Every structure is written in C-alpha cells, then in structure tokens.
Amino acid sequence: MAQSGQPPVRWTDRLATVVIYALACATAVFAAKTVPVYEVATHESGDTSYLPLSYAVAWFGIATSLMLVALWIARAIRWRMPAWPVALIAIPLIAGSWVLGFLIAVISA
C-alpha cells in the first residue's frame, strides 16, 4: 500500500504510463509480425520440426507479457504508486520472448 507520507500520483505519471504501454503494444505487434523470420534460421538445415514450438513460445510470451504488465499497472494505480516504471518492464519482456523463440528455432535447426 502507499505510505501516508507519499505524495499523490500526478496526471503526468498516468500520461507517461499510457504512452509507454502504447509503445509496448506497438513493440508487441512488431515482434509478433516478425516471428515468421524464424523460418530463416531453419532454412539451411531444412529441419522445421521445432518451428511450431518456437512460434508458440514467442507468441505466448508476447501476449502474456502484455497481459501481466497491464495487471501490474492496475495494481500500481490501485496502490496509488507511479505506474510508468511498471510499464517499462513490458518492452524487455517482449524482446525476451521473441529472442527465446528464436533461440529455440536456431538450436533445433
């Protein structure tokens, strides 16, 4: 919970949260659209048996990142804390999900 001596959350904090989360959503759309690039990693060997797994890991991670961060933002707002630092977490989580899916495709090739 917010401490009694803590200043109230300003509207600029809310605006920053919305802008950062919108950028995270745009990053997620870009990452999801570039998931088919994983096929390039398996092009040389021709083994595409793990490609569906790498797609699923990436898309699940991207979607879960956005949902979890939205819940964390709601919790921060409810506790009257600045939520924009929480929104910043979304972008590394999305990038990590994309990289993890790519690594699955590369290692299995």
Protein backbone atom coordinates (compact mmCIF):
# COMPACT_ATOMS: atom_id res chain seq x y z
CA MET A 1 0.00 0.00 0.00
CA ALA A 2 1.01 3.59 -0.48
CA GLN A 3 2.58 5.19 2.55
CA SER A 4 0.84 8.11 4.19
CA GLY A 5 3.80 10.41 3.60
CA GLN A 6 3.98 9.60 -0.10
CA PRO A 7 2.82 12.36 -2.48
CA PRO A 8 -0.24 11.65 -4.62
CA VAL A 9 0.26 10.32 -8.14
CA ARG A 10 0.10 13.12 -10.69
CA TRP A 11 -1.66 13.08 -14.03
CA THR A 12 1.71 13.23 -15.79
CA ASP A 13 2.55 9.84 -14.30
CA ARG A 14 -0.69 8.44 -15.73
CA LEU A 15 0.04 10.00 -19.12
CA ALA A 16 3.56 8.56 -19.14
CA THR A 17 2.12 5.15 -18.26
CA VAL A 18 -0.35 5.26 -21.14
CA VAL A 19 2.31 6.39 -23.64
CA ILE A 20 4.83 3.76 -22.52
CA TYR A 21 2.22 0.99 -22.58
CA ALA A 22 1.11 2.07 -26.07
CA LEU A 23 4.73 1.84 -27.20
CA ALA A 24 4.94 -1.61 -25.63
CA CYS A 25 1.82 -2.66 -27.55
CA ALA A 26 3.36 -1.38 -30.78
CA THR A 27 6.55 -3.28 -29.97
CA ALA A 28 4.49 -6.41 -29.35
CA VAL A 29 2.75 -6.09 -32.71
CA PHE A 30 6.10 -5.63 -34.44
CA ALA A 31 7.60 -8.61 -32.61
CA ALA A 32 4.61 -10.81 -33.41
CA LYS A 33 4.78 -9.88 -37.08
CA THR A 34 8.48 -10.74 -37.23
CA VAL A 35 8.09 -14.18 -35.66
CA PRO A 36 7.91 -15.83 -39.12
CA VAL A 37 11.55 -14.73 -39.58
CA TYR A 38 12.39 -17.82 -37.51
CA GLU A 39 11.99 -19.81 -40.71
CA VAL A 40 15.25 -18.27 -41.94
CA ALA A 41 17.07 -19.91 -39.02
CA THR A 42 15.92 -23.35 -40.14
CA HIS A 43 16.40 -22.73 -43.87
CA GLU A 44 19.93 -24.16 -44.04
CA SER A 45 19.25 -27.45 -42.26
CA GLY A 46 15.69 -27.90 -43.50
CA ASP A 47 14.55 -29.29 -40.13
CA THR A 48 11.36 -27.44 -39.24
CA SER A 49 10.04 -29.87 -36.62
CA TYR A 50 10.56 -27.43 -33.73
CA LEU A 51 9.37 -24.37 -35.64
CA PRO A 52 5.77 -24.57 -34.31
CA LEU A 53 7.15 -24.77 -30.76
CA SER A 54 9.30 -21.68 -31.28
CA TYR A 55 6.30 -19.80 -32.73
CA ALA A 56 4.13 -20.81 -29.78
CA VAL A 57 6.75 -19.82 -27.22
CA ALA A 58 7.24 -16.40 -28.81
CA TRP A 59 3.56 -15.59 -29.30
CA PHE A 60 2.59 -16.87 -25.86
CA GLY A 61 5.39 -14.88 -24.25
CA ILE A 62 4.48 -11.69 -26.10
CA ALA A 63 0.79 -11.95 -25.22
CA THR A 64 1.47 -12.93 -21.62
CA SER A 65 3.89 -10.04 -21.20
CA LEU A 66 1.27 -7.51 -22.24
CA MET A 67 -1.40 -9.05 -20.02
CA LEU A 68 0.81 -9.32 -16.94
CA VAL A 69 2.11 -5.79 -17.27
CA ALA A 70 -1.45 -4.49 -17.62
CA LEU A 71 -2.35 -6.22 -14.35
CA TRP A 72 0.77 -4.85 -12.64
CA ILE A 73 -0.13 -1.35 -13.87
CA ALA A 74 -3.64 -1.71 -12.46
CA ARG A 75 -2.17 -2.81 -9.13
CA ALA A 76 0.21 0.15 -9.05
CA ILE A 77 -2.65 2.54 -9.78
CA ARG A 78 -4.79 0.93 -7.11
CA TRP A 79 -2.00 1.32 -4.56
CA ARG A 80 -1.52 4.95 -5.66
CA MET A 81 2.02 4.40 -6.85
CA PRO A 82 3.60 5.68 -10.08
CA ALA A 83 2.81 3.07 -12.73
CA TRP A 84 5.15 4.16 -15.51
CA PRO A 85 8.15 2.19 -14.17
CA VAL A 86 5.98 -0.92 -14.29
CA ALA A 87 5.02 -0.18 -17.90
CA LEU A 88 8.72 -0.05 -18.83
CA ILE A 89 9.06 -3.72 -17.90
CA ALA A 90 6.88 -4.74 -20.87
CA ILE A 91 9.43 -3.97 -23.59
CA PRO A 92 12.26 -6.19 -22.25
CA LEU A 93 9.76 -8.97 -21.57
CA ILE A 94 8.51 -8.81 -25.16
CA ALA A 95 12.04 -8.75 -26.54
CA GLY A 96 13.00 -11.67 -24.32
CA SER A 97 10.03 -13.71 -25.54
CA TRP A 98 10.97 -13.07 -29.16
CA VAL A 99 14.62 -13.98 -28.54
CA LEU A 100 13.66 -17.15 -26.65
CA GLY A 101 11.51 -18.31 -29.55
CA PHE A 102 14.33 -17.50 -31.98
CA LEU A 103 16.83 -19.44 -29.88
CA ILE A 104 14.54 -22.47 -29.91
CA ALA A 105 14.40 -22.27 -33.69
CA VAL A 106 18.17 -21.83 -34.04
CA ILE A 107 19.20 -24.53 -31.58
CA SER A 108 16.76 -27.08 -33.00
CA ALA A 109 17.87 -26.45 -36.59
